[in-house]
């Protein structure tokens, strides 16, 4: 879709799918239940055009990201750890974060 790049990164013990476009400050777009990165497709394009690096992952257990079998693998510590590791994998120390419903 219009230059959106898809790839997988290893974060916090799982393989995470991310869709991204643009260069500049990183904006993470985090979907809600039961969505995917695709929910942010229009915002990815707009943010990239505005000079940002828009990154929309499929969160743990969704889409093309690994889904660990144990319920205990979905604690808030795991979910936050995934995002911290994602920011690190992008070579960043910080990012702006947008969350969906």
PDB file of N, CA and C in Angstrom:
ATOM      1  N   UNK A   1       0.837  -1.183   0.000  1.00  0.00           N
ATOM      2  CA  UNK A   1       0.000   0.000   0.000  1.00  0.00           C
ATOM      3  C   UNK A   1       0.881   1.246   0.000  1.00  0.00           C
ATOM      4  N   UNK A   2       0.983   1.918  -1.098  1.00  0.00           N
ATOM      5  CA  UNK A   2       1.679   3.196  -1.248  1.00  0.00           C
ATOM      6  C   UNK A   2       3.003   3.308  -0.499  1.00  0.00           C
ATOM      7  N   UNK A   3       3.876   2.331  -0.653  1.00  0.00           N
ATOM      8  CA  UNK A   3       5.210   2.421  -0.084  1.00  0.00           C
ATOM      9  C   UNK A   3       5.350   2.020   1.366  1.00  0.00           C
ATOM     10  N   UNK A   4       4.324   1.434   1.961  1.00  0.00           N
ATOM     11  CA  UNK A   4       4.438   0.950   3.336  1.00  0.00           C
ATOM     12  C   UNK A   4       5.297  -0.313   3.317  1.00  0.00           C
ATOM     13  N   UNK A   5       6.313  -0.326   4.160  1.00  0.00           N
ATOM     14  CA  UNK A   5       7.242  -1.454   4.241  1.00  0.00           C
ATOM     15  C   UNK A   5       6.806  -2.374   5.380  1.00  0.00           C
ATOM     16  N   UNK A   6       6.799  -3.671   5.106  1.00  0.00           N
ATOM     17  CA  UNK A   6       6.457  -4.674   6.121  1.00  0.00           C
ATOM     18  C   UNK A   6       7.694  -5.491   6.430  1.00  0.00           C
ATOM     19  N   UNK A   7       7.905  -5.743   7.715  1.00  0.00           N
ATOM     20  CA  UNK A   7       9.029  -6.580   8.129  1.00  0.00           C
ATOM     21  C   UNK A   7       8.737  -7.144   9.504  1.00  0.00           C
ATOM     22  N   UNK A   8       9.570  -8.086   9.909  1.00  0.00           N
ATOM     23  CA  UNK A   8       9.463  -8.663  11.246  1.00  0.00           C
ATOM     24  C   UNK A   8      10.700  -8.313  12.035  1.00  0.00           C
ATOM     25  N   UNK A   9      10.509  -8.046  13.322  1.00  0.00           N
ATOM     26  CA  UNK A   9      11.626  -7.773  14.229  1.00  0.00           C
ATOM     27  C   UNK A   9      11.490  -8.694  15.438  1.00  0.00           C
ATOM     28  N   UNK A  10      12.634  -9.079  15.998  1.00  0.00           N
ATOM     29  CA  UNK A  10      12.649  -9.885  17.213  1.00  0.00           C
ATOM     30  C   UNK A  10      12.631  -8.934  18.406  1.00  0.00           C
ATOM     31  N   UNK A  11      11.581  -9.031  19.211  1.00  0.00           N
ATOM     32  CA  UNK A  11      11.449  -8.181  20.393  1.00  0.00           C
ATOM     33  C   UNK A  11      10.935  -8.992  21.563  1.00  0.00           C
ATOM     34  N   UNK A  12      11.570  -8.868  22.700  1.00  0.00           N
ATOM     35  CA  UNK A  12      11.057  -9.427  23.945  1.00  0.00           C
ATOM     36  C   UNK A  12      10.688 -10.909  23.825  1.00  0.00           C
ATOM     37  N   UNK A  13      11.453 -11.650  23.029  1.00  0.00           N
ATOM     38  CA  UNK A  13      11.238 -13.084  22.897  1.00  0.00           C
ATOM     39  C   UNK A  13      10.200 -13.501  21.873  1.00  0.00           C
ATOM     40  N   UNK A  14       9.678 -12.562  21.098  1.00  0.00           N
ATOM     41  CA  UNK A  14       8.713 -12.886  20.044  1.00  0.00           C
ATOM     42  C   UNK A  14       9.125 -12.228  18.730  1.00  0.00           C
ATOM     43  N   UNK A  15       8.528 -12.711  17.640  1.00  0.00           N
ATOM     44  CA  UNK A  15       8.706 -12.101  16.321  1.00  0.00           C
ATOM     45  C   UNK A  15       7.495 -11.189  16.090  1.00  0.00           C
ATOM     46  N   UNK A  16       7.761  -9.894  15.902  1.00  0.00           N
ATOM     47  CA  UNK A  16       6.694  -8.905  15.748  1.00  0.00           C
ATOM     48  C   UNK A  16       6.673  -8.360  14.329  1.00  0.00           C
ATOM     49  N   UNK A  17       5.486  -8.354  13.725  1.00  0.00           N
ATOM     50  CA  UNK A  17       5.300  -7.746  12.410  1.00  0.00           C
ATOM     51  C   UNK A  17       5.099  -6.248  12.575  1.00  0.00           C
ATOM     52  N   UNK A  18       5.795  -5.457  11.754  1.00  0.00           N
ATOM     53  CA  UNK A  18       5.590  -4.009  11.749  1.00  0.00           C
ATOM     54  C   UNK A  18       5.390  -3.517  10.325  1.00  0.00           C
ATOM     55  N   UNK A  19       4.567  -2.501  10.197  1.00  0.00           N
ATOM     56  CA  UNK A  19       4.368  -1.784   8.944  1.00  0.00           C
ATOM     57  C   UNK A  19       4.874  -0.374   9.197  1.00  0.00           C
ATOM     58  N   UNK A  20       5.699   0.141   8.285  1.00  0.00           N
ATOM     59  CA  UNK A  20       6.268   1.466   8.527  1.00  0.00           C
ATOM     60  C   UNK A  20       6.497   2.232   7.238  1.00  0.00           C
ATOM     61  N   UNK A  21       6.553   3.535   7.401  1.00  0.00           N
ATOM     62  CA  UNK A  21       6.843   4.418   6.275  1.00  0.00           C
ATOM     63  C   UNK A  21       7.340   5.742   6.828  1.00  0.00           C
ATOM     64  N   UNK A  22       8.266   6.345   6.082  1.00  0.00           N
ATOM     65  CA  UNK A  22       8.719   7.688   6.398  1.00  0.00           C
ATOM     66  C   UNK A  22      10.047   7.729   7.111  1.00  0.00           C
ATOM     67  N   UNK A  23      10.532   8.954   7.274  1.00  0.00           N
ATOM     68  CA  UNK A  23      11.775   9.231   7.984  1.00  0.00           C
ATOM     69  C   UNK A  23      11.527  10.408   8.906  1.00  0.00           C
ATOM     70  N   UNK A  24      12.243  10.405  10.015  1.00  0.00           N
ATOM     71  CA  UNK A  24      12.093  11.483  10.988  1.00  0.00           C
ATOM     72  C   UNK A  24      11.769  10.919  12.347  1.00  0.00           C
ATOM     73  N   UNK A  25      11.216  11.746  13.221  1.00  0.00           N
ATOM     74  CA  UNK A  25      10.856  11.269  14.557  1.00  0.00           C
ATOM     75  C   UNK A  25       9.859  10.109  14.455  1.00  0.00           C
ATOM     76  N   UNK A  26      10.027   9.127  15.343  1.00  0.00           N
ATOM     77  CA  UNK A  26       9.182   7.933  15.306  1.00  0.00           C
ATOM     78  C   UNK A  26       7.852   8.180  16.012  1.00  0.00           C
ATOM     79  N   UNK A  27       6.781   7.761  15.341  1.00  0.00           N
ATOM     80  CA  UNK A  27       5.443   7.750  15.924  1.00  0.00           C
ATOM     81  C   UNK A  27       4.968   6.302  15.874  1.00  0.00           C
ATOM     82  N   UNK A  28       4.736   5.706  17.060  1.00  0.00           N
ATOM     83  CA  UNK A  28       4.209   4.343  17.136  1.00  0.00           C
ATOM     84  C   UNK A  28       2.689   4.411  17.170  1.00  0.00           C
ATOM     85  N   UNK A  29       2.074   3.608  16.332  1.00  0.00           N
ATOM     86  CA  UNK A  29       0.625   3.552  16.240  1.00  0.00           C
ATOM     87  C   UNK A  29       0.174   2.186  16.743  1.00  0.00           C
ATOM     88  N   UNK A  30      -0.425   2.141  17.931  1.00  0.00           N
ATOM     89  CA  UNK A  30      -0.770   0.883  18.587  1.00  0.00           C
ATOM     90  C   UNK A  30      -2.271   0.641  18.506  1.00  0.00           C
ATOM     91  N   UNK A  31      -2.628  -0.476  17.868  1.00  0.00           N
ATOM     92  CA  UNK A  31      -4.039  -0.805  17.669  1.00  0.00           C
ATOM     93  C   UNK A  31      -4.684  -1.318  18.954  1.00  0.00           C
ATOM     94  N   UNK A  32      -5.995  -1.308  18.981  1.00  0.00           N
ATOM     95  CA  UNK A  32      -6.763  -1.877  20.081  1.00  0.00           C
ATOM     96  C   UNK A  32      -7.339  -3.228  19.670  1.00  0.00           C
ATOM     97  N   UNK A  33      -8.189  -3.779  20.521  1.00  0.00           N
ATOM     98  CA  UNK A  33      -8.836  -5.060  20.259  1.00  0.00           C
ATOM     99  C   UNK A  33     -10.052  -4.824  19.379  1.00  0.00           C
ATOM    100  N   UNK A  34     -10.259  -5.594  18.379  1.00  0.00           N
ATOM    101  CA  UNK A  34      -9.492  -6.700  17.806  1.00  0.00           C
ATOM    102  C   UNK A  34      -8.804  -6.291  16.509  1.00  0.00           C
ATOM    103  N   UNK A  35      -8.195  -5.164  16.469  1.00  0.00           N
ATOM    104  CA  UNK A  35      -7.636  -4.589  15.249  1.00  0.00           C
ATOM    105  C   UNK A  35      -6.240  -5.113  14.917  1.00  0.00           C
ATOM    106  N   UNK A  36      -5.648  -4.552  13.845  1.00  0.00           N
ATOM    107  CA  UNK A  36      -4.294  -4.864  13.378  1.00  0.00           C
ATOM    108  C   UNK A  36      -3.634  -3.561  12.949  1.00  0.00           C
ATOM    109  N   UNK A  37      -2.389  -3.651  12.477  1.00  0.00           N
ATOM    110  CA  UNK A  37      -1.680  -2.484  11.944  1.00  0.00           C
ATOM    111  C   UNK A  37      -2.537  -1.773  10.904  1.00  0.00           C
ATOM    112  N   UNK A  38      -3.324  -2.536  10.165  1.00  0.00           N
ATOM    113  CA  UNK A  38      -4.105  -2.032   9.027  1.00  0.00           C
ATOM    114  C   UNK A  38      -5.068  -0.913   9.434  1.00  0.00           C
ATOM    115  N   UNK A  39      -5.459  -0.907  10.689  1.00  0.00           N
ATOM    116  CA  UNK A  39      -6.351   0.146  11.186  1.00  0.00           C
ATOM    117  C   UNK A  39      -5.727   1.530  11.040  1.00  0.00           C
ATOM    118  N   UNK A  40      -4.403   1.575  10.977  1.00  0.00           N
ATOM    119  CA  UNK A  40      -3.664   2.838  10.924  1.00  0.00           C
ATOM    120  C   UNK A  40      -3.181   3.189   9.523  1.00  0.00           C
ATOM    121  N   UNK A  41      -3.611   2.480   8.479  1.00  0.00           N
ATOM    122  CA  UNK A  41      -3.050   2.655   7.139  1.00  0.00           C
ATOM    123  C   UNK A  41      -3.123   4.094   6.643  1.00  0.00           C
ATOM    124  N   UNK A  42      -4.198   4.780   6.902  1.00  0.00           N
ATOM    125  CA  UNK A  42      -4.329   6.170   6.429  1.00  0.00           C
ATOM    126  C   UNK A  42      -3.429   7.110   7.230  1.00  0.00           C
ATOM    127  N   UNK A  43      -3.337   6.887   8.538  1.00  0.00           N
ATOM    128  CA  UNK A  43      -2.485   7.719   9.386  1.00  0.00           C
ATOM    129  C   UNK A  43      -1.010   7.506   9.075  1.00  0.00           C
ATOM    130  N   UNK A  44      -0.630   6.278   8.730  1.00  0.00           N
ATOM    131  CA  UNK A  44       0.766   5.998   8.347  1.00  0.00           C
ATOM    132  C   UNK A  44       1.156   6.887   7.173  1.00  0.00           C
ATOM    133  N   UNK A  45       0.309   6.937   6.173  1.00  0.00           N
ATOM    134  CA  UNK A  45       0.609   7.742   4.982  1.00  0.00           C
ATOM    135  C   UNK A  45       0.678   9.222   5.321  1.00  0.00           C
ATOM    136  N   UNK A  46      -0.279   9.714   6.092  1.00  0.00           N
ATOM    137  CA  UNK A  46      -0.296  11.131   6.463  1.00  0.00           C
ATOM    138  C   UNK A  46       0.894  11.534   7.311  1.00  0.00           C
ATOM    139  N   UNK A  47       1.248  10.701   8.284  1.00  0.00           N
ATOM    140  CA  UNK A  47       2.396  11.003   9.136  1.00  0.00           C
ATOM    141  C   UNK A  47       3.702  10.977   8.345  1.00  0.00           C
ATOM    142  N   UNK A  48       3.850  10.009   7.457  1.00  0.00           N
ATOM    143  CA  UNK A  48       5.062   9.942   6.626  1.00  0.00           C
ATOM    144  C   UNK A  48       5.168  11.188   5.745  1.00  0.00           C
ATOM    145  N   UNK A  49       4.064  11.604   5.178  1.00  0.00           N
ATOM    146  CA  UNK A  49       4.061  12.817   4.350  1.00  0.00           C
ATOM    147  C   UNK A  49       4.399  14.061   5.167  1.00  0.00           C
ATOM    148  N   UNK A  50       4.099  14.035   6.460  1.00  0.00           N
ATOM    149  CA  UNK A  50       4.351  15.181   7.340  1.00  0.00           C
ATOM    150  C   UNK A  50       5.754  15.165   7.957  1.00  0.00           C
ATOM    151  N   UNK A  51       6.587  14.168   7.576  1.00  0.00           N
ATOM    152  CA  UNK A  51       7.960  14.156   8.059  1.00  0.00           C
ATOM    153  C   UNK A  51       8.235  13.263   9.248  1.00  0.00           C
ATOM    154  N   UNK A  52       7.372  12.298   9.480  1.00  0.00           N
ATOM    155  CA  UNK A  52       7.560  11.366  10.586  1.00  0.00           C
ATOM    156  C   UNK A  52       7.842   9.962  10.069  1.00  0.00           C
ATOM    157  N   UNK A  53       8.418   9.140  10.929  1.00  0.00           N
ATOM    158  CA  UNK A  53       8.569   7.715  10.663  1.00  0.00           C
ATOM    159  C   UNK A  53       7.432   7.023  11.403  1.00  0.00           C
ATOM    160  N   UNK A  54       6.386   6.660  10.681  1.00  0.00           N
ATOM    161  CA  UNK A  54       5.207   6.033  11.270  1.00  0.00           C
ATOM    162  C   UNK A  54       5.412   4.523  11.309  1.00  0.00           C
ATOM    163  N   UNK A  55       5.233   3.944  12.490  1.00  0.00           N
ATOM    164  CA  UNK A  55       5.449   2.511  12.704  1.00  0.00           C
ATOM    165  C   UNK A  55       4.204   1.937  13.380  1.00  0.00           C
ATOM    166  N   UNK A  56       3.575   0.967  12.703  1.00  0.00           N
ATOM    167  CA  UNK A  56       2.372   0.330  13.247  1.00  0.00           C
ATOM    168  C   UNK A  56       2.602  -1.175  13.344  1.00  0.00           C
ATOM    169  N   UNK A  57       2.807  -1.689  14.556  1.00  0.00           N
ATOM    170  CA  UNK A  57       2.995  -3.130  14.713  1.00  0.00           C
ATOM    171  C   UNK A  57       1.662  -3.863  14.859  1.00  0.00           C
ATOM    172  N   UNK A  58       1.696  -5.160  14.558  1.00  0.00           N
ATOM    173  CA  UNK A  58       0.651  -6.060  15.043  1.00  0.00           C
ATOM    174  C   UNK A  58       1.117  -6.435  16.446  1.00  0.00           C
ATOM    175  N   UNK A  59       0.325  -6.147  17.445  1.00  0.00           N
ATOM    176  CA  UNK A  59       0.735  -6.417  18.821  1.00  0.00           C
ATOM    177  C   UNK A  59       0.717  -7.916  19.125  1.00  0.00           C
ATOM    178  N   UNK A  60       1.336  -8.281  20.220  1.00  0.00           N
ATOM    179  CA  UNK A  60       1.458  -9.674  20.668  1.00  0.00           C
ATOM    180  C   UNK A  60       0.111 -10.402  20.550  1.00  0.00           C
ATOM    181  N   UNK A  61       0.132 -11.514  19.794  1.00  0.00           N
ATOM    182  CA  UNK A  61      -1.063 -12.326  19.638  1.00  0.00           C
ATOM    183  C   UNK A  61      -1.965 -11.939  18.483  1.00  0.00           C
ATOM    184  N   UNK A  62      -1.624 -10.910  17.739  1.00  0.00           N
ATOM    185  CA  UNK A  62      -2.456 -10.428  16.637  1.00  0.00           C
ATOM    186  C   UNK A  62      -1.738 -10.551  15.306  1.00  0.00           C
ATOM    187  N   UNK A  63      -2.517 -10.740  14.235  1.00  0.00           N
ATOM    188  CA  UNK A  63      -1.994 -10.702  12.877  1.00  0.00           C
ATOM    189  C   UNK A  63      -0.800 -11.599  12.665  1.00  0.00           C
ATOM    190  N   UNK A  64       0.268 -11.014  12.106  1.00  0.00           N
ATOM    191  CA  UNK A  64       1.478 -11.769  11.786  1.00  0.00           C
ATOM    192  C   UNK A  64       2.513 -11.750  12.902  1.00  0.00           C
ATOM    193  N   UNK A  65       2.145 -11.267  14.073  1.00  0.00           N
ATOM    194  CA  UNK A  65       3.044 -11.295  15.237  1.00  0.00           C
ATOM    195  C   UNK A  65       2.799 -12.594  16.000  1.00  0.00           C
ATOM    196  N   UNK A  66       3.869 -13.131  16.596  1.00  0.00           N
ATOM    197  CA  UNK A  66       3.751 -14.370  17.360  1.00  0.00           C
ATOM    198  C   UNK A  66       2.681 -14.275  18.437  1.00  0.00           C
ATOM    199  N   UNK A  67       2.060 -15.421  18.697  1.00  0.00           N
ATOM    200  CA  UNK A  67       1.036 -15.535  19.732  1.00  0.00           C
ATOM    201  C   UNK A  67       1.448 -16.620  20.724  1.00  0.00           C
ATOM    202  N   UNK A  68       2.172 -16.251  21.775  1.00  0.00           N
ATOM    203  CA  UNK A  68       2.548 -17.247  22.777  1.00  0.00           C
ATOM    204  C   UNK A  68       1.294 -17.950  23.324  1.00  0.00           C
ATOM    205  N   UNK A  69       1.408 -19.243  23.639  1.00  0.00           N
ATOM    206  CA  UNK A  69       0.216 -20.014  24.033  1.00  0.00           C
ATOM    207  C   UNK A  69      -0.293 -19.750  25.450  1.00  0.00           C
ATOM    208  N   UNK A  70       0.555 -19.307  26.352  1.00  0.00           N
ATOM    209  CA  UNK A  70       0.158 -19.160  27.752  1.00  0.00           C
ATOM    210  C   UNK A  70      -0.465 -17.790  28.026  1.00  0.00           C
ATOM    211  N   UNK A  71      -1.569 -17.794  28.756  1.00  0.00           N
ATOM    212  CA  UNK A  71      -2.226 -16.539  29.147  1.00  0.00           C
ATOM    213  C   UNK A  71      -1.260 -15.651  29.925  1.00  0.00           C
ATOM    214  N   UNK A  72      -0.373 -16.260  30.686  1.00  0.00           N
ATOM    215  CA  UNK A  72       0.571 -15.479  31.494  1.00  0.00           C
ATOM    216  C   UNK A  72       1.567 -14.702  30.636  1.00  0.00           C
ATOM    217  N   UNK A  73       1.662 -15.023  29.350  1.00  0.00           N
ATOM    218  CA  UNK A  73       2.550 -14.305  28.432  1.00  0.00           C
ATOM    219  C   UNK A  73       1.937 -13.016  27.892  1.00  0.00           C
ATOM    220  N   UNK A  74       0.778 -12.630  28.431  1.00  0.00           N
ATOM    221  CA  UNK A  74       0.092 -11.430  27.956  1.00  0.00           C
ATOM    222  C   UNK A  74      -0.105 -10.405  29.078  1.00  0.00           C
ATOM    223  N   UNK A  75       0.743 -10.453  30.076  1.00  0.00           N
ATOM    224  CA  UNK A  75       0.639  -9.480  31.170  1.00  0.00           C
ATOM    225  C   UNK A  75       1.021  -8.095  30.655  1.00  0.00           C
ATOM    226  N   UNK A  76       0.663  -7.081  31.411  1.00  0.00           N
ATOM    227  CA  UNK A  76       1.019  -5.714  31.026  1.00  0.00           C
ATOM    228  C   UNK A  76       2.531  -5.550  30.932  1.00  0.00           C
ATOM    229  N   UNK A  77       3.271  -6.299  31.738  1.00  0.00           N
ATOM    230  CA  UNK A  77       4.730  -6.238  31.678  1.00  0.00           C
ATOM    231  C   UNK A  77       5.251  -6.768  30.347  1.00  0.00           C
ATOM    232  N   UNK A  78       4.624  -7.821  29.828  1.00  0.00           N
ATOM    233  CA  UNK A  78       5.007  -8.350  28.521  1.00  0.00           C
ATOM    234  C   UNK A  78       4.653  -7.356  27.415  1.00  0.00           C
ATOM    235  N   UNK A  79       3.450  -6.796  27.491  1.00  0.00           N
ATOM    236  CA  UNK A  79       2.997  -5.886  26.447  1.00  0.00           C
ATOM    237  C   UNK A  79       3.843  -4.617  26.399  1.00  0.00           C
ATOM    238  N   UNK A  80       4.119  -4.042  27.561  1.00  0.00           N
ATOM    239  CA  UNK A  80       4.974  -2.853  27.610  1.00  0.00           C
ATOM    240  C   UNK A  80       6.400  -3.212  27.196  1.00  0.00           C
ATOM    241  N   UNK A  81       6.873  -4.373  27.637  1.00  0.00           N
ATOM    242  CA  UNK A  81       8.208  -4.829  27.243  1.00  0.00           C
ATOM    243  C   UNK A  81       8.347  -4.958  25.740  1.00  0.00           C
ATOM    244  N   UNK A  82       7.283  -5.412  25.083  1.00  0.00           N
ATOM    245  CA  UNK A  82       7.311  -5.512  23.616  1.00  0.00           C
ATOM    246  C   UNK A  82       7.541  -4.137  22.986  1.00  0.00           C
ATOM    247  N   UNK A  83       6.855  -3.131  23.488  1.00  0.00           N
ATOM    248  CA  UNK A  83       6.955  -1.789  22.908  1.00  0.00           C
ATOM    249  C   UNK A  83       8.306  -1.159  23.208  1.00  0.00           C
ATOM    250  N   UNK A  84       8.795  -1.337  24.422  1.00  0.00           N
ATOM    251  CA  UNK A  84      10.131  -0.832  24.766  1.00  0.00           C
ATOM    252  C   UNK A  84      11.176  -1.485  23.857  1.00  0.00           C
ATOM    253  N   UNK A  85      11.080  -2.792  23.671  1.00  0.00           N
ATOM    254  CA  UNK A  85      12.029  -3.502  22.803  1.00  0.00           C
ATOM    255  C   UNK A  85      11.870  -3.080  21.342  1.00  0.00           C
ATOM    256  N   UNK A  86      10.645  -2.790  20.923  1.00  0.00           N
ATOM    257  CA  UNK A  86      10.427  -2.312  19.554  1.00  0.00           C
ATOM    258  C   UNK A  86      11.111  -0.970  19.349  1.00  0.00           C
ATOM    259  N   UNK A  87      10.932  -0.052  20.275  1.00  0.00           N
ATOM    260  CA  UNK A  87      11.594   1.259  20.171  1.00  0.00           C
ATOM    261  C   UNK A  87      13.105   1.073  20.073  1.00  0.00           C
ATOM    262  N   UNK A  88      13.649   0.198  20.900  1.00  0.00           N
ATOM    263  CA  UNK A  88      15.083  -0.093  20.866  1.00  0.00           C
ATOM    264  C   UNK A  88      15.491  -0.683  19.521  1.00  0.00           C
ATOM    265  N   UNK A  89      14.688  -1.599  18.975  1.00  0.00           N
ATOM    266  CA  UNK A  89      15.022  -2.226  17.695  1.00  0.00           C
ATOM    267  C   UNK A  89      14.999  -1.230  16.541  1.00  0.00           C
ATOM    268  N   UNK A  90      14.272  -0.138  16.719  1.00  0.00           N
ATOM    269  CA  UNK A  90      14.221   0.920  15.709  1.00  0.00           C
ATOM    270  C   UNK A  90      15.408   1.871  15.829  1.00  0.00           C
ATOM    271  N   UNK A  91      16.271   1.614  16.817  1.00  0.00           N
ATOM    272  CA  UNK A  91      17.439   2.458  17.020  1.00  0.00           C
ATOM    273  C   UNK A  91      17.108   3.780  17.684  1.00  0.00           C
ATOM    274  N   UNK A  92      16.024   3.795  18.441  1.00  0.00           N
ATOM    275  CA  UNK A  92      15.556   5.027  19.082  1.00  0.00           C
ATOM    276  C   UNK A  92      15.611   4.900  20.594  1.00  0.00           C
ATOM    277  N   UNK A  93      15.667   6.045  21.251  1.00  0.00           N
ATOM    278  CA  UNK A  93      15.570   6.079  22.709  1.00  0.00           C
ATOM    279  C   UNK A  93      14.195   6.537  23.164  1.00  0.00           C
ATOM    280  N   UNK A  94      13.445   7.109  22.240  1.00  0.00           N
ATOM    281  CA  UNK A  94      12.093   7.579  22.566  1.00  0.00           C
ATOM    282  C   UNK A  94      11.234   7.577  21.311  1.00  0.00           C
ATOM    283  N   UNK A  95       9.946   7.645  21.514  1.00  0.00           N
ATOM    284  CA  UNK A  95       9.000   7.712  20.397  1.00  0.00           C
ATOM    285  C   UNK A  95       7.700   8.330  20.917  1.00  0.00           C
ATOM    286  N   UNK A  96       6.942   8.911  20.018  1.00  0.00           N
ATOM    287  CA  UNK A  96       5.597   9.341  20.359  1.00  0.00           C
ATOM    288  C   UNK A  96       4.688   8.138  20.148  1.00  0.00           C
ATOM    289  N   UNK A  97       3.694   7.987  21.017  1.00  0.00           N
ATOM    290  CA  UNK A  97       2.832   6.813  20.960  1.00  0.00           C
ATOM    291  C   UNK A  97       1.383   7.254  20.822  1.00  0.00           C
ATOM    292  N   UNK A  98       0.680   6.643  19.863  1.00  0.00           N
ATOM    293  CA  UNK A  98      -0.751   6.853  19.675  1.00  0.00           C
ATOM    294  C   UNK A  98      -1.429   5.511  19.873  1.00  0.00           C
ATOM    295  N   UNK A  99      -2.497   5.486  20.654  1.00  0.00           N
ATOM    296  CA  UNK A  99      -3.228   4.254  20.895  1.00  0.00           C
ATOM    297  C   UNK A  99      -4.620   4.316  20.316  1.00  0.00           C
ATOM    298  N   UNK A 100      -5.082   3.164  19.852  1.00  0.00           N
ATOM    299  CA  UNK A 100      -6.430   3.070  19.299  1.00  0.00           C
ATOM    300  C   UNK A 100      -7.398   2.495  20.321  1.00  0.00           C
ATOM    301  N   UNK A 101      -8.644   2.579  20.019  1.00  0.00           N
ATOM    302  CA  UNK A 101      -9.663   2.059  20.938  1.00  0.00           C
ATOM    303  C   UNK A 101      -9.639   0.550  21.025  1.00  0.00           C
TER     304      UNK A 101
END
